[in-house]
Amino acid sequence: MKKFAVILSGSGVYDGSEIHEATLTMLAIMKNGASYEIFAPDINQHHVINHLTGSEMNETRNVLVESARIARGKIKNLQEYNPQNFHALIMPGGFGAAKNLSNFAFKGADCSVNQDVENAIVSTYKAGKPIGALCIAPVILAKVIEKAKITIGSEEGPANAVEQMGATHQNTTHGEVVYDTVNNLFTTPCYMLDANILQIDEGANNVVKAMLEKM
C-alpha cells in the first residue's frame, strides 16, 4: 500500500489549513487505495482569525496543536518526517500555507519558507518521490524547487509572483492537475478559484490519483 505524508498548517481557511481541502485530500488518498500520516510544524500561527467576523483575535495558537483538530489527535511534529517511510508528500491549502508554512501572504515573491517545511520538501524531492499541493500551497514549491511548474488557478497577482520566483505558472480551472514532469510535482487550484465542495473533492481526488499513477 502506498503511503502519503500530509502536511497541515493549522485549522481554518483564514489562518490555517482549509478544512475541506485537508479532509477531502485524506479521503481521496484512502478512496484510491493508499494510506496517510499527518504532520505539522510545532510553531505559533502568524495570527488567529475569527472565522465568523474575519477579525484578528488577540490570542496565540500553535500550528501543530490546531492541526491536531483535523487529525483527531493523530499527528506528528514535522521534524519527525522521514521521506524513506513514505511514497509521497502532499500539502492542502488554506492561508496557513501562506502565513505559517511560509510568509507568501505578506512577502509575495520575496517570501521565505519555514525550515521544517523546506527540509521535508527538499528531502522528498531528492528521494525522487512525488510532491502534491492544493490551492495556495503550490507557491511553497515554487519557492523551494528550482524552476518548478505549478498552478494556483488563474489569478494574475499570485501567478506573477510565482513567475518572479523563477517558476512557471499554468492557468487551470476546476479539477485540473498540472504535472511537472521534470520535478515530479502535482498541483491543482481548488479554492484559489470560486469553488464548491464538489469541485474541491474533484480536485483533491484528481491530484491524488495522478500522483499514484506516477509512483
N, C-alpha and C. Protein backbone atom coordinates (compact mmCIF):
# COMPACT_ATOMS: atom_id res chain seq x y z
N MET A 1 0.84 -1.20 0.00
CA MET A 1 0.00 0.00 0.00
C MET A 1 0.88 1.25 0.00
N LYS A 2 0.57 2.18 -0.91
CA LYS A 2 1.30 3.43 -0.95
C LYS A 2 0.89 4.32 0.23
N LYS A 3 1.86 5.09 0.75
CA LYS A 3 1.60 5.90 1.93
C LYS A 3 2.00 7.35 1.68
N PHE A 4 1.07 8.27 1.97
CA PHE A 4 1.29 9.70 1.82
C PHE A 4 1.61 10.33 3.18
N ALA A 5 2.45 11.33 3.17
CA ALA A 5 2.60 12.24 4.30
C ALA A 5 1.83 13.50 3.95
N VAL A 6 0.95 13.94 4.86
CA VAL A 6 0.13 15.12 4.66
C VAL A 6 0.61 16.21 5.62
N ILE A 7 0.97 17.37 5.09
CA ILE A 7 1.40 18.50 5.93
C ILE A 7 0.24 19.48 6.09
N LEU A 8 -0.14 19.74 7.34
CA LEU A 8 -1.17 20.72 7.64
C LEU A 8 -0.55 21.99 8.22
N SER A 9 -1.36 23.06 8.24
CA SER A 9 -0.84 24.38 8.64
C SER A 9 -1.72 25.06 9.68
N GLY A 10 -2.51 24.27 10.40
CA GLY A 10 -3.45 24.82 11.35
C GLY A 10 -4.85 24.33 11.05
N SER A 11 -5.87 25.02 11.52
CA SER A 11 -7.25 24.58 11.34
C SER A 11 -8.15 25.76 11.05
N GLY A 12 -8.46 25.94 9.76
CA GLY A 12 -9.33 27.04 9.36
C GLY A 12 -8.74 27.83 8.22
N VAL A 13 -9.54 28.14 7.23
CA VAL A 13 -9.03 28.70 5.98
C VAL A 13 -8.25 29.99 6.14
N TYR A 14 -8.65 30.88 7.06
CA TYR A 14 -8.04 32.20 7.10
C TYR A 14 -6.73 32.27 7.88
N ASP A 15 -6.45 31.26 8.68
CA ASP A 15 -5.19 31.28 9.44
C ASP A 15 -4.53 29.91 9.54
N GLY A 16 -5.07 28.92 8.84
CA GLY A 16 -4.53 27.57 8.92
C GLY A 16 -4.85 26.77 7.67
N SER A 17 -5.02 25.47 7.82
CA SER A 17 -5.39 24.61 6.69
C SER A 17 -6.86 24.82 6.32
N GLU A 18 -7.14 24.79 5.03
CA GLU A 18 -8.52 24.82 4.56
C GLU A 18 -9.10 23.44 4.87
N ILE A 19 -10.13 23.40 5.70
CA ILE A 19 -10.59 22.12 6.26
C ILE A 19 -11.20 21.22 5.19
N HIS A 20 -11.94 21.77 4.24
CA HIS A 20 -12.47 20.94 3.16
C HIS A 20 -11.33 20.29 2.37
N GLU A 21 -10.35 21.09 2.00
CA GLU A 21 -9.23 20.56 1.22
C GLU A 21 -8.46 19.50 1.99
N ALA A 22 -8.23 19.75 3.27
CA ALA A 22 -7.48 18.79 4.09
C ALA A 22 -8.25 17.48 4.21
N THR A 23 -9.52 17.57 4.55
CA THR A 23 -10.33 16.36 4.75
C THR A 23 -10.52 15.59 3.46
N LEU A 24 -10.80 16.30 2.37
CA LEU A 24 -11.03 15.62 1.11
C LEU A 24 -9.75 15.05 0.51
N THR A 25 -8.62 15.64 0.84
CA THR A 25 -7.34 15.05 0.43
C THR A 25 -7.14 13.71 1.13
N MET A 26 -7.40 13.67 2.42
CA MET A 26 -7.26 12.41 3.16
C MET A 26 -8.25 11.37 2.65
N LEU A 27 -9.47 11.80 2.36
CA LEU A 27 -10.47 10.88 1.82
C LEU A 27 -10.03 10.35 0.46
N ALA A 28 -9.51 11.23 -0.39
CA ALA A 28 -9.06 10.81 -1.72
C ALA A 28 -7.93 9.78 -1.63
N ILE A 29 -7.03 10.00 -0.69
CA ILE A 29 -5.92 9.04 -0.52
C ILE A 29 -6.46 7.66 -0.22
N MET A 30 -7.39 7.57 0.71
CA MET A 30 -7.93 6.26 1.10
C MET A 30 -8.84 5.68 0.02
N LYS A 31 -9.63 6.52 -0.65
CA LYS A 31 -10.50 6.03 -1.72
C LYS A 31 -9.70 5.41 -2.86
N ASN A 32 -8.49 5.91 -3.06
CA ASN A 32 -7.64 5.40 -4.13
C ASN A 32 -6.69 4.30 -3.66
N GLY A 33 -6.97 3.75 -2.49
CA GLY A 33 -6.25 2.55 -2.04
C GLY A 33 -4.93 2.80 -1.35
N ALA A 34 -4.70 4.02 -0.89
CA ALA A 34 -3.46 4.34 -0.20
C ALA A 34 -3.76 4.70 1.26
N SER A 35 -2.72 5.01 2.01
CA SER A 35 -2.87 5.42 3.40
C SER A 35 -2.12 6.73 3.62
N TYR A 36 -2.26 7.31 4.81
CA TYR A 36 -1.59 8.58 5.07
C TYR A 36 -1.22 8.71 6.53
N GLU A 37 -0.29 9.62 6.77
CA GLU A 37 0.08 10.06 8.12
C GLU A 37 0.17 11.58 8.07
N ILE A 38 -0.20 12.23 9.16
CA ILE A 38 -0.32 13.69 9.17
C ILE A 38 0.79 14.33 9.99
N PHE A 39 1.32 15.44 9.49
CA PHE A 39 2.39 16.19 10.15
C PHE A 39 2.05 17.68 10.14
N ALA A 40 2.66 18.41 11.06
CA ALA A 40 2.59 19.87 11.06
C ALA A 40 3.79 20.40 11.84
N PRO A 41 4.27 21.59 11.51
CA PRO A 41 5.37 22.17 12.28
C PRO A 41 4.90 22.64 13.65
N ASP A 42 5.75 22.49 14.64
CA ASP A 42 5.45 22.92 16.01
C ASP A 42 5.88 24.37 16.18
N ILE A 43 5.04 25.27 15.65
CA ILE A 43 5.32 26.71 15.67
C ILE A 43 4.03 27.46 15.98
N ASN A 44 4.14 28.71 16.38
CA ASN A 44 2.96 29.53 16.56
C ASN A 44 2.42 29.99 15.20
N GLN A 45 1.09 30.10 15.11
CA GLN A 45 0.49 30.70 13.93
C GLN A 45 0.92 32.16 13.81
N HIS A 46 0.89 32.68 12.58
CA HIS A 46 1.18 34.10 12.40
C HIS A 46 0.20 34.94 13.21
N HIS A 47 -1.08 34.59 13.13
CA HIS A 47 -2.12 35.24 13.92
C HIS A 47 -3.33 34.32 13.95
N VAL A 48 -4.34 34.73 14.70
CA VAL A 48 -5.58 33.96 14.82
C VAL A 48 -6.73 34.81 14.30
N ILE A 49 -7.54 34.23 13.42
CA ILE A 49 -8.66 34.94 12.81
C ILE A 49 -9.99 34.37 13.31
N ASN A 50 -10.89 35.25 13.68
CA ASN A 50 -12.26 34.86 13.99
C ASN A 50 -12.95 34.55 12.66
N HIS A 51 -13.26 33.29 12.42
CA HIS A 51 -13.81 32.90 11.12
C HIS A 51 -15.26 33.32 10.94
N LEU A 52 -15.90 33.81 11.98
CA LEU A 52 -17.26 34.33 11.86
C LEU A 52 -17.26 35.78 11.38
N THR A 53 -16.33 36.57 11.92
CA THR A 53 -16.29 38.00 11.60
C THR A 53 -15.17 38.40 10.66
N GLY A 54 -14.13 37.57 10.57
CA GLY A 54 -12.95 37.91 9.76
C GLY A 54 -11.96 38.78 10.49
N SER A 55 -12.21 39.08 11.75
CA SER A 55 -11.34 39.96 12.52
C SER A 55 -10.21 39.16 13.19
N GLU A 56 -9.08 39.82 13.38
CA GLU A 56 -7.97 39.19 14.09
C GLU A 56 -8.28 39.15 15.59
N MET A 57 -7.90 38.06 16.22
CA MET A 57 -8.17 37.86 17.64
C MET A 57 -6.89 38.04 18.44
N ASN A 58 -7.02 38.53 19.64
CA ASN A 58 -5.86 38.79 20.50
C ASN A 58 -5.50 37.54 21.29
N GLU A 59 -4.98 36.55 20.59
CA GLU A 59 -4.56 35.31 21.23
C GLU A 59 -3.51 34.63 20.36
N THR A 60 -2.87 33.63 20.92
CA THR A 60 -1.83 32.88 20.22
C THR A 60 -2.23 31.42 20.14
N ARG A 61 -2.04 30.83 18.99
CA ARG A 61 -2.31 29.40 18.82
C ARG A 61 -1.13 28.74 18.12
N ASN A 62 -1.00 27.44 18.34
CA ASN A 62 0.11 26.65 17.82
C ASN A 62 -0.35 25.85 16.59
N VAL A 63 0.45 25.84 15.55
CA VAL A 63 0.08 25.17 14.30
C VAL A 63 -0.11 23.67 14.50
N LEU A 64 0.79 23.04 15.24
CA LEU A 64 0.68 21.60 15.47
C LEU A 64 -0.56 21.27 16.29
N VAL A 65 -0.81 22.05 17.33
CA VAL A 65 -1.97 21.83 18.20
C VAL A 65 -3.27 22.03 17.42
N GLU A 66 -3.34 23.09 16.62
CA GLU A 66 -4.55 23.36 15.85
C GLU A 66 -4.75 22.32 14.75
N SER A 67 -3.68 21.89 14.10
CA SER A 67 -3.78 20.86 13.07
C SER A 67 -4.28 19.54 13.65
N ALA A 68 -3.97 19.31 14.91
CA ALA A 68 -4.43 18.09 15.58
C ALA A 68 -5.94 18.01 15.64
N ARG A 69 -6.64 19.15 15.54
CA ARG A 69 -8.10 19.13 15.49
C ARG A 69 -8.57 18.37 14.25
N ILE A 70 -7.96 18.66 13.12
CA ILE A 70 -8.33 17.98 11.86
C ILE A 70 -7.88 16.52 11.89
N ALA A 71 -6.72 16.29 12.47
CA ALA A 71 -6.15 14.94 12.52
C ALA A 71 -6.75 14.07 13.61
N ARG A 72 -7.68 14.62 14.39
CA ARG A 72 -8.28 13.91 15.52
C ARG A 72 -7.19 13.42 16.49
N GLY A 73 -6.16 14.24 16.61
CA GLY A 73 -5.09 13.98 17.56
C GLY A 73 -3.98 13.08 17.04
N LYS A 74 -4.20 12.45 15.89
CA LYS A 74 -3.20 11.52 15.35
C LYS A 74 -2.30 12.28 14.38
N ILE A 75 -1.28 12.91 14.94
CA ILE A 75 -0.42 13.80 14.16
C ILE A 75 0.96 13.82 14.78
N LYS A 76 1.97 14.14 13.97
CA LYS A 76 3.34 14.20 14.45
C LYS A 76 3.96 15.56 14.11
N ASN A 77 4.95 15.92 14.91
CA ASN A 77 5.77 17.10 14.62
C ASN A 77 6.48 16.87 13.28
N LEU A 78 6.46 17.87 12.43
CA LEU A 78 7.06 17.73 11.09
C LEU A 78 8.54 17.40 11.16
N GLN A 79 9.20 17.74 12.26
CA GLN A 79 10.62 17.40 12.40
C GLN A 79 10.85 15.88 12.40
N GLU A 80 9.81 15.11 12.68
CA GLU A 80 9.91 13.65 12.70
C GLU A 80 9.76 13.03 11.32
N TYR A 81 9.41 13.83 10.33
CA TYR A 81 9.16 13.29 8.98
C TYR A 81 10.44 12.74 8.35
N ASN A 82 10.33 11.54 7.80
CA ASN A 82 11.42 10.89 7.08
C ASN A 82 10.86 10.40 5.75
N PRO A 83 11.34 10.94 4.62
CA PRO A 83 10.76 10.55 3.33
C PRO A 83 10.93 9.07 3.00
N GLN A 84 11.88 8.41 3.66
CA GLN A 84 12.08 6.99 3.39
C GLN A 84 10.90 6.14 3.87
N ASN A 85 10.06 6.72 4.73
CA ASN A 85 8.92 5.98 5.26
C ASN A 85 7.63 6.22 4.47
N PHE A 86 7.74 7.00 3.38
CA PHE A 86 6.56 7.38 2.62
C PHE A 86 6.83 7.29 1.12
N HIS A 87 5.74 7.23 0.36
CA HIS A 87 5.86 7.21 -1.10
C HIS A 87 5.60 8.58 -1.71
N ALA A 88 5.00 9.50 -0.94
CA ALA A 88 4.66 10.82 -1.49
C ALA A 88 4.38 11.80 -0.36
N LEU A 89 4.44 13.08 -0.70
CA LEU A 89 4.16 14.18 0.23
C LEU A 89 3.10 15.07 -0.39
N ILE A 90 2.12 15.53 0.41
CA ILE A 90 1.09 16.40 -0.15
C ILE A 90 0.69 17.46 0.87
N MET A 91 0.39 18.66 0.37
CA MET A 91 0.03 19.80 1.22
C MET A 91 -1.30 20.40 0.77
N PRO A 92 -2.36 20.29 1.57
CA PRO A 92 -3.58 21.04 1.28
C PRO A 92 -3.32 22.54 1.44
N GLY A 93 -4.28 23.36 0.96
CA GLY A 93 -4.11 24.79 1.02
C GLY A 93 -4.73 25.43 2.25
N GLY A 94 -5.21 26.65 2.08
CA GLY A 94 -5.62 27.48 3.20
C GLY A 94 -4.56 28.54 3.43
N PHE A 95 -4.94 29.67 4.01
CA PHE A 95 -3.99 30.76 4.23
C PHE A 95 -2.84 30.36 5.15
N GLY A 96 -3.02 29.29 5.93
CA GLY A 96 -1.92 28.83 6.77
C GLY A 96 -0.69 28.46 5.97
N ALA A 97 -0.89 27.98 4.73
CA ALA A 97 0.25 27.67 3.88
C ALA A 97 1.04 28.92 3.52
N ALA A 98 0.33 30.04 3.43
CA ALA A 98 0.95 31.31 3.04
C ALA A 98 1.25 32.22 4.22
N LYS A 99 0.84 31.81 5.44
CA LYS A 99 1.10 32.62 6.64
C LYS A 99 1.94 31.88 7.67
N ASN A 100 1.82 30.55 7.73
CA ASN A 100 2.53 29.75 8.73
C ASN A 100 3.63 28.89 8.13
N LEU A 101 3.30 28.17 7.06
CA LEU A 101 4.32 27.34 6.41
C LEU A 101 5.29 28.20 5.61
N SER A 102 4.82 29.36 5.20
CA SER A 102 5.65 30.35 4.53
C SER A 102 5.07 31.72 4.89
N ASN A 103 5.70 32.79 4.39
CA ASN A 103 5.13 34.13 4.58
C ASN A 103 4.76 34.76 3.24
N PHE A 104 4.34 33.90 2.30
CA PHE A 104 3.97 34.39 0.97
C PHE A 104 2.86 35.42 1.03
N ALA A 105 1.93 35.28 1.97
CA ALA A 105 0.81 36.22 2.07
C ALA A 105 1.27 37.65 2.33
N PHE A 106 2.45 37.79 2.90
CA PHE A 106 2.96 39.12 3.28
C PHE A 106 4.13 39.58 2.41
N LYS A 107 4.90 38.63 1.91
CA LYS A 107 6.14 38.98 1.18
C LYS A 107 6.07 38.67 -0.31
N GLY A 108 5.06 37.93 -0.74
CA GLY A 108 4.97 37.59 -2.15
C GLY A 108 6.19 36.83 -2.64
N ALA A 109 6.73 37.28 -3.77
CA ALA A 109 7.88 36.59 -4.37
C ALA A 109 9.11 36.62 -3.49
N ASP A 110 9.17 37.54 -2.54
CA ASP A 110 10.32 37.63 -1.62
C ASP A 110 10.12 36.79 -0.36
N CYS A 111 9.17 35.90 -0.38
CA CYS A 111 8.82 35.11 0.81
C CYS A 111 9.93 34.14 1.19
N SER A 112 9.82 33.67 2.42
CA SER A 112 10.67 32.58 2.90
C SER A 112 9.76 31.45 3.35
N VAL A 113 10.33 30.25 3.48
CA VAL A 113 9.58 29.06 3.85
C VAL A 113 10.09 28.55 5.19
N ASN A 114 9.17 28.13 6.05
CA ASN A 114 9.56 27.53 7.33
C ASN A 114 10.60 26.43 7.10
N GLN A 115 11.63 26.40 7.93
CA GLN A 115 12.75 25.49 7.69
C GLN A 115 12.34 24.02 7.73
N ASP A 116 11.44 23.65 8.65
CA ASP A 116 10.99 22.25 8.71
C ASP A 116 10.22 21.87 7.46
N VAL A 117 9.43 22.80 6.94
CA VAL A 117 8.68 22.55 5.71
C VAL A 117 9.64 22.41 4.53
N GLU A 118 10.60 23.32 4.46
CA GLU A 118 11.58 23.24 3.37
C GLU A 118 12.38 21.95 3.43
N ASN A 119 12.77 21.54 4.62
CA ASN A 119 13.53 20.30 4.77
C ASN A 119 12.71 19.10 4.29
N ALA A 120 11.43 19.09 4.64
CA ALA A 120 10.56 17.98 4.23
C ALA A 120 10.43 17.92 2.71
N ILE A 121 10.23 19.08 2.09
CA ILE A 121 10.08 19.12 0.64
C ILE A 121 11.37 18.72 -0.07
N VAL A 122 12.48 19.31 0.36
CA VAL A 122 13.76 19.04 -0.30
C VAL A 122 14.17 17.57 -0.15
N SER A 123 13.97 17.01 1.03
CA SER A 123 14.35 15.61 1.24
C SER A 123 13.48 14.68 0.40
N THR A 124 12.21 15.02 0.26
CA THR A 124 11.32 14.21 -0.58
C THR A 124 11.70 14.34 -2.04
N TYR A 125 12.00 15.55 -2.45
CA TYR A 125 12.42 15.82 -3.83
C TYR A 125 13.70 15.06 -4.17
N LYS A 126 14.66 15.11 -3.28
CA LYS A 126 15.93 14.42 -3.52
C LYS A 126 15.77 12.90 -3.53
N ALA A 127 14.75 12.41 -2.83
CA ALA A 127 14.46 10.98 -2.84
C ALA A 127 13.71 10.55 -4.09
N GLY A 128 13.36 11.51 -4.94
CA GLY A 128 12.69 11.21 -6.21
C GLY A 128 11.23 10.85 -6.06
N LYS A 129 10.61 11.30 -4.97
CA LYS A 129 9.22 10.95 -4.71
C LYS A 129 8.29 12.11 -5.04
N PRO A 130 7.06 11.82 -5.46
CA PRO A 130 6.15 12.89 -5.89
C PRO A 130 5.71 13.77 -4.74
N ILE A 131 5.48 15.05 -5.07
CA ILE A 131 5.01 16.04 -4.11
C ILE A 131 3.79 16.72 -4.70
N GLY A 132 2.72 16.78 -3.91
CA GLY A 132 1.49 17.41 -4.35
C GLY A 132 1.15 18.62 -3.51
N ALA A 133 0.40 19.56 -4.08
CA ALA A 133 -0.02 20.75 -3.34
C ALA A 133 -1.31 21.27 -3.94
N LEU A 134 -2.19 21.76 -3.07
CA LEU A 134 -3.50 22.25 -3.46
C LEU A 134 -3.63 23.74 -3.14
N CYS A 135 -4.44 24.44 -3.94
CA CYS A 135 -4.83 25.81 -3.63
C CYS A 135 -3.61 26.75 -3.65
N ILE A 136 -3.32 27.44 -2.55
CA ILE A 136 -2.20 28.36 -2.47
C ILE A 136 -0.89 27.66 -2.12
N ALA A 137 -0.97 26.43 -1.62
CA ALA A 137 0.24 25.71 -1.18
C ALA A 137 1.29 25.53 -2.28
N PRO A 138 0.92 25.46 -3.56
CA PRO A 138 1.95 25.33 -4.60
C PRO A 138 2.99 26.45 -4.61
N VAL A 139 2.67 27.63 -4.05
CA VAL A 139 3.67 28.70 -4.04
C VAL A 139 4.89 28.28 -3.22
N ILE A 140 4.70 27.41 -2.25
CA ILE A 140 5.83 26.92 -1.46
C ILE A 140 6.76 26.11 -2.34
N LEU A 141 6.19 25.29 -3.22
CA LEU A 141 7.02 24.51 -4.15
C LEU A 141 7.75 25.43 -5.11
N ALA A 142 7.08 26.49 -5.54
CA ALA A 142 7.71 27.45 -6.45
C ALA A 142 8.93 28.10 -5.81
N LYS A 143 8.87 28.31 -4.50
CA LYS A 143 9.98 28.94 -3.79
C LYS A 143 11.11 27.97 -3.52
N VAL A 144 10.79 26.73 -3.23
CA VAL A 144 11.80 25.77 -2.76
C VAL A 144 12.43 24.97 -3.91
N ILE A 145 11.62 24.62 -4.91
CA ILE A 145 12.10 23.79 -6.01
C ILE A 145 12.44 24.66 -7.22
N GLU A 146 13.68 24.62 -7.65
CA GLU A 146 14.13 25.46 -8.75
C GLU A 146 13.40 25.12 -10.05
N LYS A 147 12.89 26.15 -10.71
CA LYS A 147 12.21 26.03 -12.00
C LYS A 147 11.00 25.09 -11.93
N ALA A 148 10.28 25.15 -10.82
CA ALA A 148 9.07 24.34 -10.69
C ALA A 148 8.00 24.82 -11.67
N LYS A 149 7.15 23.89 -12.08
CA LYS A 149 5.99 24.21 -12.90
C LYS A 149 4.75 23.89 -12.07
N ILE A 150 3.92 24.90 -11.79
CA ILE A 150 2.80 24.72 -10.89
C ILE A 150 1.56 25.47 -11.38
N THR A 151 0.46 25.28 -10.66
CA THR A 151 -0.72 26.11 -10.86
C THR A 151 -1.26 26.57 -9.52
N ILE A 152 -1.78 27.79 -9.49
CA ILE A 152 -2.60 28.26 -8.37
C ILE A 152 -3.90 28.85 -8.94
N GLY A 153 -4.33 28.29 -10.08
CA GLY A 153 -5.57 28.73 -10.70
C GLY A 153 -5.33 29.70 -11.82
N SER A 154 -5.93 30.88 -11.73
CA SER A 154 -5.82 31.85 -12.83
C SER A 154 -5.74 33.29 -12.36
N GLU A 155 -5.53 33.50 -11.06
CA GLU A 155 -5.46 34.87 -10.53
C GLU A 155 -4.11 35.49 -10.89
N GLU A 156 -4.17 36.64 -11.53
CA GLU A 156 -2.97 37.24 -12.12
C GLU A 156 -1.90 37.61 -11.10
N GLY A 157 -2.28 38.23 -9.97
CA GLY A 157 -1.30 38.68 -9.00
C GLY A 157 -0.44 37.56 -8.44
N PRO A 158 -1.04 36.54 -7.84
CA PRO A 158 -0.25 35.41 -7.34
C PRO A 158 0.53 34.69 -8.44
N ALA A 159 -0.07 34.58 -9.62
CA ALA A 159 0.64 33.93 -10.73
C ALA A 159 1.91 34.70 -11.10
N ASN A 160 1.82 36.02 -11.11
CA ASN A 160 3.00 36.85 -11.41
C ASN A 160 4.08 36.66 -10.35
N ALA A 161 3.68 36.55 -9.08
CA ALA A 161 4.64 36.32 -8.00
C ALA A 161 5.34 34.98 -8.17
N VAL A 162 4.59 33.98 -8.60
CA VAL A 162 5.17 32.66 -8.87
C VAL A 162 6.23 32.76 -9.95
N GLU A 163 5.91 33.49 -11.02
CA GLU A 163 6.87 33.65 -12.12
C GLU A 163 8.12 34.42 -11.65
N GLN A 164 7.93 35.40 -10.77
CA GLN A 164 9.07 36.16 -10.24
C GLN A 164 10.01 35.28 -9.41
N MET A 165 9.48 34.21 -8.86
CA MET A 165 10.31 33.28 -8.09
C MET A 165 11.08 32.31 -8.98
N GLY A 166 10.90 32.44 -10.28
CA GLY A 166 11.62 31.59 -11.22
C GLY A 166 10.87 30.34 -11.62
N ALA A 167 9.62 30.22 -11.18
CA ALA A 167 8.80 29.07 -11.54
C ALA A 167 7.95 29.38 -12.76
N THR A 168 7.31 28.38 -13.30
CA THR A 168 6.38 28.53 -14.41
C THR A 168 4.97 28.30 -13.89
N HIS A 169 4.08 29.26 -14.18
CA HIS A 169 2.69 29.11 -13.76
C HIS A 169 1.81 28.75 -14.95
N GLN A 170 0.92 27.79 -14.74
CA GLN A 170 -0.03 27.40 -15.77
C GLN A 170 -1.45 27.64 -15.27
N ASN A 171 -2.22 28.41 -16.02
CA ASN A 171 -3.61 28.67 -15.63
C ASN A 171 -4.43 27.38 -15.73
N THR A 172 -5.30 27.19 -14.75
CA THR A 172 -6.14 26.00 -14.72
C THR A 172 -7.52 26.35 -14.19
N THR A 173 -8.45 25.42 -14.37
CA THR A 173 -9.78 25.56 -13.81
C THR A 173 -10.06 24.36 -12.92
N HIS A 174 -11.30 24.21 -12.50
CA HIS A 174 -11.68 23.20 -11.50
C HIS A 174 -11.26 21.79 -11.90
N GLY A 175 -10.62 21.11 -10.97
CA GLY A 175 -10.28 19.70 -11.17
C GLY A 175 -9.05 19.43 -11.99
N GLU A 176 -8.48 20.45 -12.61
CA GLU A 176 -7.31 20.24 -13.45
C GLU A 176 -6.05 20.09 -12.59
N VAL A 177 -5.15 19.25 -13.06
CA VAL A 177 -3.89 19.00 -12.36
C VAL A 177 -2.73 19.34 -13.29
N VAL A 178 -1.79 20.12 -12.79
CA VAL A 178 -0.56 20.38 -13.52
C VAL A 178 0.52 19.44 -13.02
N TYR A 179 1.09 18.68 -13.93
CA TYR A 179 2.15 17.72 -13.58
C TYR A 179 3.47 18.24 -14.12
N ASP A 180 4.37 18.55 -13.23
CA ASP A 180 5.73 18.96 -13.58
C ASP A 180 6.54 17.69 -13.75
N THR A 181 6.74 17.29 -14.99
CA THR A 181 7.41 16.02 -15.28
C THR A 181 8.87 16.02 -14.88
N VAL A 182 9.48 17.19 -14.86
CA VAL A 182 10.91 17.29 -14.51
C VAL A 182 11.11 17.14 -13.01
N ASN A 183 10.26 17.80 -12.23
CA ASN A 183 10.44 17.83 -10.78
C ASN A 183 9.49 16.93 -10.00
N ASN A 184 8.60 16.24 -10.72
CA ASN A 184 7.67 15.29 -10.10
C ASN A 184 6.73 15.99 -9.11
N LEU A 185 6.18 17.14 -9.57
CA LEU A 185 5.27 17.93 -8.75
C LEU A 185 3.86 17.88 -9.34
N PHE A 186 2.85 17.88 -8.47
CA PHE A 186 1.46 17.79 -8.88
C PHE A 186 0.67 18.87 -8.14
N THR A 187 0.02 19.75 -8.88
CA THR A 187 -0.70 20.86 -8.24
C THR A 187 -2.08 21.05 -8.87
N THR A 188 -3.01 21.56 -8.05
CA THR A 188 -4.38 21.80 -8.50
C THR A 188 -4.93 23.01 -7.76
N PRO A 189 -5.84 23.81 -8.35
CA PRO A 189 -6.17 25.12 -7.78
C PRO A 189 -7.17 25.13 -6.62
N CYS A 190 -8.14 24.22 -6.60
CA CYS A 190 -9.15 24.17 -5.52
C CYS A 190 -9.74 25.55 -5.21
N TYR A 191 -9.64 26.01 -3.94
CA TYR A 191 -10.30 27.27 -3.55
C TYR A 191 -9.54 28.53 -3.98
N MET A 192 -8.51 28.40 -4.78
CA MET A 192 -7.97 29.59 -5.44
C MET A 192 -8.95 30.07 -6.52
N LEU A 193 -9.89 29.21 -6.87
CA LEU A 193 -10.99 29.56 -7.75
C LEU A 193 -12.27 29.64 -6.92
N ASP A 194 -13.28 30.30 -7.44
CA ASP A 194 -14.59 30.29 -6.80
C ASP A 194 -15.15 28.88 -6.95
N ALA A 195 -15.21 28.13 -5.86
CA ALA A 195 -15.50 26.70 -5.96
C ALA A 195 -16.51 26.27 -4.91
N ASN A 196 -17.15 25.13 -5.17
CA ASN A 196 -17.99 24.49 -4.17
C ASN A 196 -17.31 23.19 -3.72
N ILE A 197 -17.88 22.55 -2.72
CA ILE A 197 -17.20 21.41 -2.12
C ILE A 197 -17.08 20.23 -3.09
N LEU A 198 -18.02 20.10 -4.03
CA LEU A 198 -17.91 19.04 -5.03
C LEU A 198 -16.69 19.26 -5.92
N GLN A 199 -16.43 20.52 -6.27
CA GLN A 199 -15.27 20.82 -7.10
C GLN A 199 -13.96 20.63 -6.33
N ILE A 200 -13.99 20.88 -5.01
CA ILE A 200 -12.82 20.61 -4.20
C ILE A 200 -12.55 19.11 -4.12
N ASP A 201 -13.61 18.35 -3.98
CA ASP A 201 -13.49 16.89 -3.97
C ASP A 201 -12.88 16.39 -5.28
N GLU A 202 -13.33 16.96 -6.39
CA GLU A 202 -12.79 16.57 -7.70
C GLU A 202 -11.30 16.88 -7.79
N GLY A 203 -10.92 18.09 -7.36
CA GLY A 203 -9.51 18.47 -7.44
C GLY A 203 -8.64 17.61 -6.55
N ALA A 204 -9.07 17.38 -5.31
CA ALA A 204 -8.29 16.56 -4.39
C ALA A 204 -8.14 15.15 -4.92
N ASN A 205 -9.23 14.59 -5.42
CA ASN A 205 -9.18 13.22 -5.94
C ASN A 205 -8.28 13.14 -7.18
N ASN A 206 -8.39 14.12 -8.06
CA ASN A 206 -7.59 14.09 -9.29
C ASN A 206 -6.10 14.21 -9.01
N VAL A 207 -5.72 15.06 -8.06
CA VAL A 207 -4.29 15.22 -7.80
C VAL A 207 -3.73 13.98 -7.11
N VAL A 208 -4.48 13.40 -6.19
CA VAL A 208 -4.02 12.18 -5.53
C VAL A 208 -3.92 11.03 -6.55
N LYS A 209 -4.93 10.89 -7.38
CA LYS A 209 -4.93 9.83 -8.39
C LYS A 209 -3.76 9.99 -9.36
N ALA A 210 -3.50 11.23 -9.78
CA ALA A 210 -2.37 11.48 -10.70
C ALA A 210 -1.05 11.11 -10.04
N MET A 211 -0.90 11.43 -8.77
CA MET A 211 0.34 11.09 -8.06
C MET A 211 0.52 9.58 -7.97
N LEU A 212 -0.56 8.87 -7.66
CA LEU A 212 -0.47 7.41 -7.54
C LEU A 212 -0.13 6.76 -8.87
N GLU A 213 -0.66 7.31 -9.96
CA GLU A 213 -0.39 6.74 -11.29
C GLU A 213 1.08 6.86 -11.67
N LYS A 214 1.79 7.84 -11.11
CA LYS A 214 3.20 8.05 -11.46
C LYS A 214 4.16 7.40 -10.47
N MET A 215 3.64 6.76 -9.42
CA MET A 215 4.54 6.12 -8.43
C MET A 215 5.07 4.81 -8.99
